[in-house]
């Protein structure tokens, strides 16, 4: 159900890594919980993100959800397309709906994240511990 090459957080963000570079987004589970995404707030290129700290927000017709960075690093790219088409997040959370790319400053932080099997069990248990 969840891609095996990704790492996941309890707040439903994912990390895809290539060397020291990471792509962040939200999981399919999060998309299903949020439903209709109408607005997204993202950091700017060059901004430093800290693991466990907010980096933006998703807004639906009903609520605002804080986005929490799974890893620390400097933002190298922001997916500008989702600003004008936030529905891309719902349609393709692991593809065109990615949010930010960053250069990790502490790759060891990945060790504290869940793999796809642990994350699947977490979501089956309700996904909010």
N, C-alpha and C. Protein backbone atom coordinates (compact mmCIF):
# COMPACT_ATOMS: atom_id res chain seq x y z
N UNK A 1 0.81 -1.20 0.00
CA UNK A 1 0.00 0.00 0.00
C UNK A 1 0.86 1.27 0.00
N UNK A 2 1.94 1.28 0.81
CA UNK A 2 2.84 2.42 0.86
C UNK A 2 4.17 2.04 0.23
N UNK A 3 4.72 2.91 -0.63
CA UNK A 3 5.98 2.58 -1.31
C UNK A 3 7.10 2.19 -0.34
N UNK A 4 7.78 1.07 -0.64
CA UNK A 4 8.80 0.51 0.24
C UNK A 4 10.07 1.34 0.30
N UNK A 5 10.34 2.15 -0.72
CA UNK A 5 11.60 2.91 -0.74
C UNK A 5 11.53 4.18 0.09
N UNK A 6 10.36 4.47 0.67
CA UNK A 6 10.18 5.69 1.44
C UNK A 6 10.25 5.43 2.94
N UNK A 7 10.53 6.50 3.70
CA UNK A 7 10.45 6.47 5.17
C UNK A 7 9.28 7.37 5.55
N UNK A 8 8.64 7.07 6.69
CA UNK A 8 7.41 7.77 7.07
C UNK A 8 7.48 8.29 8.51
N UNK A 9 6.68 9.34 8.78
CA UNK A 9 6.58 9.90 10.12
C UNK A 9 5.21 9.61 10.71
N UNK A 10 5.09 9.79 12.02
CA UNK A 10 3.80 9.60 12.67
C UNK A 10 2.81 10.71 12.30
N UNK A 11 3.33 11.83 11.76
CA UNK A 11 2.44 12.91 11.32
C UNK A 11 2.15 12.80 9.82
N UNK A 12 2.53 11.66 9.22
CA UNK A 12 2.14 11.26 7.86
C UNK A 12 2.90 11.95 6.72
N UNK A 13 4.09 12.48 7.01
CA UNK A 13 4.96 12.93 5.93
C UNK A 13 5.82 11.74 5.49
N UNK A 14 6.32 11.83 4.27
CA UNK A 14 7.26 10.81 3.80
C UNK A 14 8.55 11.47 3.35
N UNK A 15 9.60 10.65 3.28
CA UNK A 15 10.90 11.08 2.78
C UNK A 15 11.35 10.08 1.75
N UNK A 16 11.74 10.58 0.59
CA UNK A 16 12.38 9.76 -0.44
C UNK A 16 13.81 10.26 -0.54
N UNK A 17 14.78 9.38 -0.40
CA UNK A 17 16.17 9.83 -0.42
C UNK A 17 16.91 9.34 -1.65
N UNK A 18 17.81 10.19 -2.10
CA UNK A 18 18.76 9.86 -3.16
C UNK A 18 20.07 10.45 -2.70
N UNK A 19 20.95 9.60 -2.15
CA UNK A 19 22.19 10.11 -1.57
C UNK A 19 21.86 11.01 -0.39
N UNK A 20 22.36 12.24 -0.42
CA UNK A 20 22.14 13.19 0.66
C UNK A 20 20.92 14.08 0.39
N UNK A 21 20.23 13.83 -0.72
CA UNK A 21 19.07 14.63 -1.09
C UNK A 21 17.78 13.92 -0.69
N UNK A 22 16.82 14.71 -0.24
CA UNK A 22 15.55 14.14 0.21
C UNK A 22 14.39 14.88 -0.43
N UNK A 23 13.35 14.14 -0.79
CA UNK A 23 12.11 14.72 -1.28
C UNK A 23 11.06 14.46 -0.21
N UNK A 24 10.33 15.52 0.18
CA UNK A 24 9.31 15.41 1.22
C UNK A 24 7.92 15.56 0.61
N UNK A 25 6.96 14.87 1.20
CA UNK A 25 5.57 14.99 0.80
C UNK A 25 4.70 14.39 1.88
N UNK A 26 3.43 14.21 1.58
CA UNK A 26 2.52 13.56 2.52
C UNK A 26 2.03 12.25 1.93
N UNK A 27 1.74 11.31 2.81
CA UNK A 27 1.35 9.96 2.39
C UNK A 27 -0.08 9.92 1.85
N UNK A 28 -0.38 8.82 1.17
CA UNK A 28 -1.73 8.59 0.67
C UNK A 28 -2.73 8.58 1.84
N UNK A 29 -2.32 8.04 2.98
CA UNK A 29 -3.18 8.02 4.17
C UNK A 29 -3.55 9.46 4.56
N UNK A 30 -2.56 10.35 4.58
CA UNK A 30 -2.81 11.75 4.94
C UNK A 30 -3.78 12.39 3.96
N UNK A 31 -3.56 12.14 2.68
CA UNK A 31 -4.42 12.70 1.64
C UNK A 31 -5.88 12.27 1.85
N UNK A 32 -6.06 11.01 2.21
CA UNK A 32 -7.42 10.49 2.44
C UNK A 32 -8.05 11.11 3.68
N UNK A 33 -7.23 11.45 4.68
CA UNK A 33 -7.75 12.08 5.90
C UNK A 33 -8.12 13.54 5.65
N UNK A 34 -7.27 14.24 4.89
CA UNK A 34 -7.48 15.67 4.64
C UNK A 34 -8.64 15.89 3.67
N UNK A 35 -8.81 15.00 2.73
CA UNK A 35 -9.83 15.10 1.67
C UNK A 35 -9.49 16.22 0.68
N UNK A 36 -10.34 17.23 0.54
CA UNK A 36 -10.17 18.26 -0.49
C UNK A 36 -9.16 19.32 -0.08
N UNK A 37 -7.95 19.23 -0.64
CA UNK A 37 -6.90 20.21 -0.35
C UNK A 37 -7.15 21.45 -1.20
N UNK A 38 -7.26 22.60 -0.55
CA UNK A 38 -7.56 23.84 -1.28
C UNK A 38 -6.39 24.82 -1.27
N UNK A 39 -5.45 24.65 -0.34
CA UNK A 39 -4.34 25.58 -0.24
C UNK A 39 -3.16 24.89 0.43
N UNK A 40 -1.94 25.26 0.01
CA UNK A 40 -0.75 24.73 0.66
C UNK A 40 0.23 25.87 0.90
N UNK A 41 0.87 25.85 2.03
CA UNK A 41 1.91 26.82 2.36
C UNK A 41 3.22 26.04 2.49
N UNK A 42 4.23 26.46 1.74
CA UNK A 42 5.51 25.77 1.71
C UNK A 42 6.65 26.74 2.05
N UNK A 43 7.81 26.20 2.45
CA UNK A 43 8.96 27.07 2.71
C UNK A 43 9.55 27.59 1.41
N UNK A 44 10.52 28.46 1.51
CA UNK A 44 11.19 28.98 0.31
C UNK A 44 12.53 28.26 0.12
N UNK A 45 13.04 28.28 -1.10
CA UNK A 45 14.34 27.70 -1.40
C UNK A 45 15.39 28.42 -0.55
N UNK A 46 16.30 27.65 0.03
CA UNK A 46 17.34 28.21 0.88
C UNK A 46 17.01 28.17 2.36
N UNK A 47 15.74 27.94 2.68
CA UNK A 47 15.32 27.90 4.09
C UNK A 47 15.86 26.62 4.74
N UNK A 48 16.26 26.73 6.01
CA UNK A 48 16.73 25.58 6.78
C UNK A 48 15.54 24.95 7.49
N UNK A 49 15.37 23.65 7.32
CA UNK A 49 14.32 22.91 8.02
C UNK A 49 14.95 22.09 9.13
N UNK A 50 14.23 21.94 10.22
CA UNK A 50 14.69 21.12 11.35
C UNK A 50 13.74 19.94 11.52
N UNK A 51 14.30 18.77 11.75
CA UNK A 51 13.48 17.58 11.97
C UNK A 51 12.55 17.82 13.15
N UNK A 52 11.28 17.50 12.96
CA UNK A 52 10.29 17.65 14.01
C UNK A 52 9.67 19.03 14.10
N UNK A 53 10.14 19.96 13.26
CA UNK A 53 9.61 21.33 13.28
C UNK A 53 8.71 21.55 12.06
N UNK A 54 7.70 22.42 12.20
CA UNK A 54 6.80 22.69 11.08
C UNK A 54 7.54 23.33 9.90
N UNK A 55 7.14 22.95 8.68
CA UNK A 55 7.72 23.59 7.49
C UNK A 55 6.65 24.16 6.57
N UNK A 56 5.40 24.01 6.94
CA UNK A 56 4.32 24.54 6.11
C UNK A 56 2.99 23.99 6.59
N UNK A 57 1.96 24.15 5.75
CA UNK A 57 0.65 23.64 6.12
C UNK A 57 -0.17 23.29 4.89
N UNK A 58 -1.11 22.39 5.12
CA UNK A 58 -2.10 21.98 4.12
C UNK A 58 -3.44 22.47 4.62
N UNK A 59 -4.23 23.02 3.73
CA UNK A 59 -5.54 23.49 4.13
C UNK A 59 -6.60 22.78 3.31
N UNK A 60 -7.60 22.27 4.00
CA UNK A 60 -8.75 21.67 3.32
C UNK A 60 -9.94 22.59 3.56
N UNK A 61 -11.08 22.21 3.03
CA UNK A 61 -12.28 23.01 3.26
C UNK A 61 -12.66 23.01 4.74
N UNK A 62 -12.21 21.99 5.48
CA UNK A 62 -12.62 21.85 6.88
C UNK A 62 -11.57 22.25 7.91
N UNK A 63 -10.28 22.12 7.60
CA UNK A 63 -9.26 22.33 8.62
C UNK A 63 -7.90 22.64 8.00
N UNK A 64 -6.97 23.08 8.86
CA UNK A 64 -5.59 23.32 8.47
C UNK A 64 -4.73 22.27 9.17
N UNK A 65 -3.83 21.64 8.42
CA UNK A 65 -2.96 20.61 8.95
C UNK A 65 -1.51 21.06 8.82
N UNK A 66 -0.79 21.02 9.94
CA UNK A 66 0.61 21.42 9.94
C UNK A 66 1.47 20.34 9.29
N UNK A 67 2.43 20.76 8.50
CA UNK A 67 3.40 19.85 7.89
C UNK A 67 4.66 19.87 8.75
N UNK A 68 5.15 18.71 9.14
CA UNK A 68 6.31 18.61 10.03
C UNK A 68 7.45 17.94 9.26
N UNK A 69 8.62 18.56 9.30
CA UNK A 69 9.75 18.01 8.56
C UNK A 69 10.29 16.75 9.23
N UNK A 70 10.45 15.67 8.46
CA UNK A 70 11.00 14.43 9.02
C UNK A 70 12.51 14.49 9.23
N UNK A 71 13.19 15.35 8.47
CA UNK A 71 14.65 15.46 8.54
C UNK A 71 15.06 16.93 8.48
N UNK A 72 16.30 17.18 8.89
CA UNK A 72 16.86 18.54 8.85
C UNK A 72 17.63 18.75 7.55
N UNK A 73 17.64 19.99 7.08
CA UNK A 73 18.41 20.30 5.89
C UNK A 73 17.98 21.60 5.25
N UNK A 74 18.65 21.94 4.15
CA UNK A 74 18.37 23.18 3.43
C UNK A 74 17.51 22.89 2.21
N UNK A 75 16.43 23.65 2.06
CA UNK A 75 15.51 23.47 0.94
C UNK A 75 16.23 23.83 -0.36
N UNK A 76 16.22 22.89 -1.33
CA UNK A 76 16.86 23.13 -2.62
C UNK A 76 15.83 23.33 -3.74
N UNK A 77 14.59 22.89 -3.51
CA UNK A 77 13.53 23.06 -4.51
C UNK A 77 12.17 23.01 -3.82
N UNK A 78 11.23 23.75 -4.39
CA UNK A 78 9.85 23.75 -3.92
C UNK A 78 8.97 23.45 -5.12
N UNK A 79 7.98 22.60 -4.95
CA UNK A 79 7.09 22.25 -6.05
C UNK A 79 6.05 23.36 -6.23
N UNK A 80 6.38 24.32 -7.08
CA UNK A 80 5.50 25.47 -7.31
C UNK A 80 4.16 25.07 -7.94
N UNK A 81 4.15 23.96 -8.67
CA UNK A 81 2.92 23.53 -9.36
C UNK A 81 1.79 23.26 -8.39
N UNK A 82 2.12 22.77 -7.18
CA UNK A 82 1.05 22.43 -6.24
C UNK A 82 0.45 23.67 -5.58
N UNK A 83 1.14 24.82 -5.68
CA UNK A 83 0.55 26.07 -5.17
C UNK A 83 -0.69 26.44 -5.97
N UNK A 84 -0.62 26.26 -7.28
CA UNK A 84 -1.75 26.60 -8.14
C UNK A 84 -2.68 25.42 -8.38
N UNK A 85 -2.17 24.19 -8.18
CA UNK A 85 -2.98 22.98 -8.37
C UNK A 85 -2.80 22.04 -7.18
N UNK A 86 -3.32 22.43 -5.99
CA UNK A 86 -3.13 21.57 -4.82
C UNK A 86 -3.75 20.18 -4.96
N UNK A 87 -4.67 20.02 -5.90
CA UNK A 87 -5.27 18.69 -6.11
C UNK A 87 -4.23 17.67 -6.59
N UNK A 88 -3.08 18.14 -7.11
CA UNK A 88 -2.00 17.22 -7.53
C UNK A 88 -1.52 16.39 -6.34
N UNK A 89 -1.59 16.95 -5.14
CA UNK A 89 -1.17 16.22 -3.94
C UNK A 89 -2.07 15.01 -3.75
N UNK A 90 -3.36 15.20 -3.94
CA UNK A 90 -4.32 14.10 -3.78
C UNK A 90 -4.19 13.07 -4.89
N UNK A 91 -3.97 13.53 -6.11
CA UNK A 91 -3.90 12.63 -7.26
C UNK A 91 -2.62 11.82 -7.29
N UNK A 92 -1.50 12.43 -6.87
CA UNK A 92 -0.20 11.77 -6.98
C UNK A 92 0.73 12.19 -5.85
N UNK A 93 0.42 11.77 -4.60
CA UNK A 93 1.23 12.23 -3.46
C UNK A 93 2.70 11.83 -3.55
N UNK A 94 2.99 10.67 -4.19
CA UNK A 94 4.37 10.19 -4.27
C UNK A 94 5.05 10.59 -5.58
N UNK A 95 4.31 11.22 -6.48
CA UNK A 95 4.86 11.62 -7.77
C UNK A 95 4.82 13.13 -7.92
N UNK A 96 3.89 13.60 -8.76
CA UNK A 96 3.80 15.04 -9.04
C UNK A 96 3.38 15.87 -7.84
N UNK A 97 2.88 15.23 -6.78
CA UNK A 97 2.42 15.95 -5.60
C UNK A 97 3.48 16.12 -4.52
N UNK A 98 4.76 15.88 -4.86
CA UNK A 98 5.83 16.11 -3.88
C UNK A 98 5.82 17.58 -3.44
N UNK A 99 6.40 17.89 -2.31
CA UNK A 99 6.32 19.25 -1.77
C UNK A 99 7.64 20.01 -1.83
N UNK A 100 8.67 19.48 -1.16
CA UNK A 100 9.97 20.16 -1.17
C UNK A 100 11.09 19.14 -1.31
N UNK A 101 12.20 19.63 -1.82
CA UNK A 101 13.42 18.83 -1.87
C UNK A 101 14.43 19.55 -1.00
N UNK A 102 15.26 18.77 -0.30
CA UNK A 102 16.27 19.40 0.52
C UNK A 102 17.54 18.58 0.55
N UNK A 103 18.63 19.25 0.93
CA UNK A 103 19.90 18.59 1.15
C UNK A 103 19.98 18.33 2.65
N UNK A 104 20.02 17.06 3.02
CA UNK A 104 19.98 16.70 4.44
C UNK A 104 21.27 17.10 5.15
N UNK A 105 21.13 17.64 6.34
CA UNK A 105 22.29 17.98 7.15
C UNK A 105 22.61 16.88 8.15
N UNK A 106 21.64 16.02 8.45
CA UNK A 106 21.83 14.92 9.41
C UNK A 106 21.12 13.66 8.90
N UNK A 107 21.71 12.98 7.89
CA UNK A 107 21.05 11.80 7.33
C UNK A 107 20.71 10.72 8.36
N UNK A 108 21.41 10.71 9.50
CA UNK A 108 21.13 9.74 10.55
C UNK A 108 19.72 9.86 11.11
N UNK A 109 19.08 11.01 10.89
CA UNK A 109 17.71 11.20 11.36
C UNK A 109 16.74 10.22 10.69
N UNK A 110 17.11 9.71 9.54
CA UNK A 110 16.27 8.75 8.83
C UNK A 110 16.05 7.49 9.67
N UNK A 111 17.02 7.17 10.53
CA UNK A 111 16.92 5.96 11.36
C UNK A 111 15.75 6.01 12.33
N UNK A 112 15.27 7.21 12.65
CA UNK A 112 14.16 7.35 13.58
C UNK A 112 12.79 7.29 12.92
N UNK A 113 12.76 7.10 11.61
CA UNK A 113 11.49 7.08 10.87
C UNK A 113 11.02 5.65 10.63
N UNK A 114 9.76 5.52 10.28
CA UNK A 114 9.17 4.20 10.03
C UNK A 114 9.39 3.75 8.58
N UNK A 115 9.55 2.42 8.41
CA UNK A 115 9.55 1.89 7.05
C UNK A 115 8.09 1.68 6.63
N UNK A 116 7.88 1.22 5.40
CA UNK A 116 6.51 1.11 4.89
C UNK A 116 5.66 0.11 5.68
N UNK A 117 6.25 -0.98 6.17
CA UNK A 117 5.47 -1.98 6.90
C UNK A 117 5.06 -1.46 8.28
N UNK A 118 6.00 -0.78 8.96
CA UNK A 118 5.68 -0.19 10.26
C UNK A 118 4.63 0.90 10.09
N UNK A 119 4.77 1.68 9.03
CA UNK A 119 3.81 2.78 8.79
C UNK A 119 2.42 2.21 8.47
N UNK A 120 2.38 1.14 7.71
CA UNK A 120 1.09 0.53 7.39
C UNK A 120 0.40 0.05 8.67
N UNK A 121 1.17 -0.60 9.56
CA UNK A 121 0.60 -1.05 10.83
C UNK A 121 0.12 0.15 11.64
N UNK A 122 0.91 1.23 11.65
CA UNK A 122 0.56 2.44 12.38
C UNK A 122 -0.78 3.02 11.87
N UNK A 123 -0.95 3.07 10.57
CA UNK A 123 -2.20 3.62 10.02
C UNK A 123 -3.37 2.68 10.28
N UNK A 124 -3.13 1.38 10.27
CA UNK A 124 -4.19 0.41 10.57
C UNK A 124 -4.64 0.54 12.02
N UNK A 125 -3.73 0.97 12.90
CA UNK A 125 -4.04 1.16 14.32
C UNK A 125 -4.68 2.52 14.58
N UNK A 126 -4.96 3.26 13.53
CA UNK A 126 -5.63 4.56 13.68
C UNK A 126 -4.78 5.74 13.27
N UNK A 127 -3.46 5.55 13.26
CA UNK A 127 -2.57 6.58 12.74
C UNK A 127 -2.47 7.86 13.54
N UNK A 128 -2.72 7.79 14.86
CA UNK A 128 -2.56 9.01 15.66
C UNK A 128 -2.14 8.67 17.07
N UNK A 129 -0.83 8.41 17.25
CA UNK A 129 -0.30 8.06 18.58
C UNK A 129 0.42 9.23 19.17
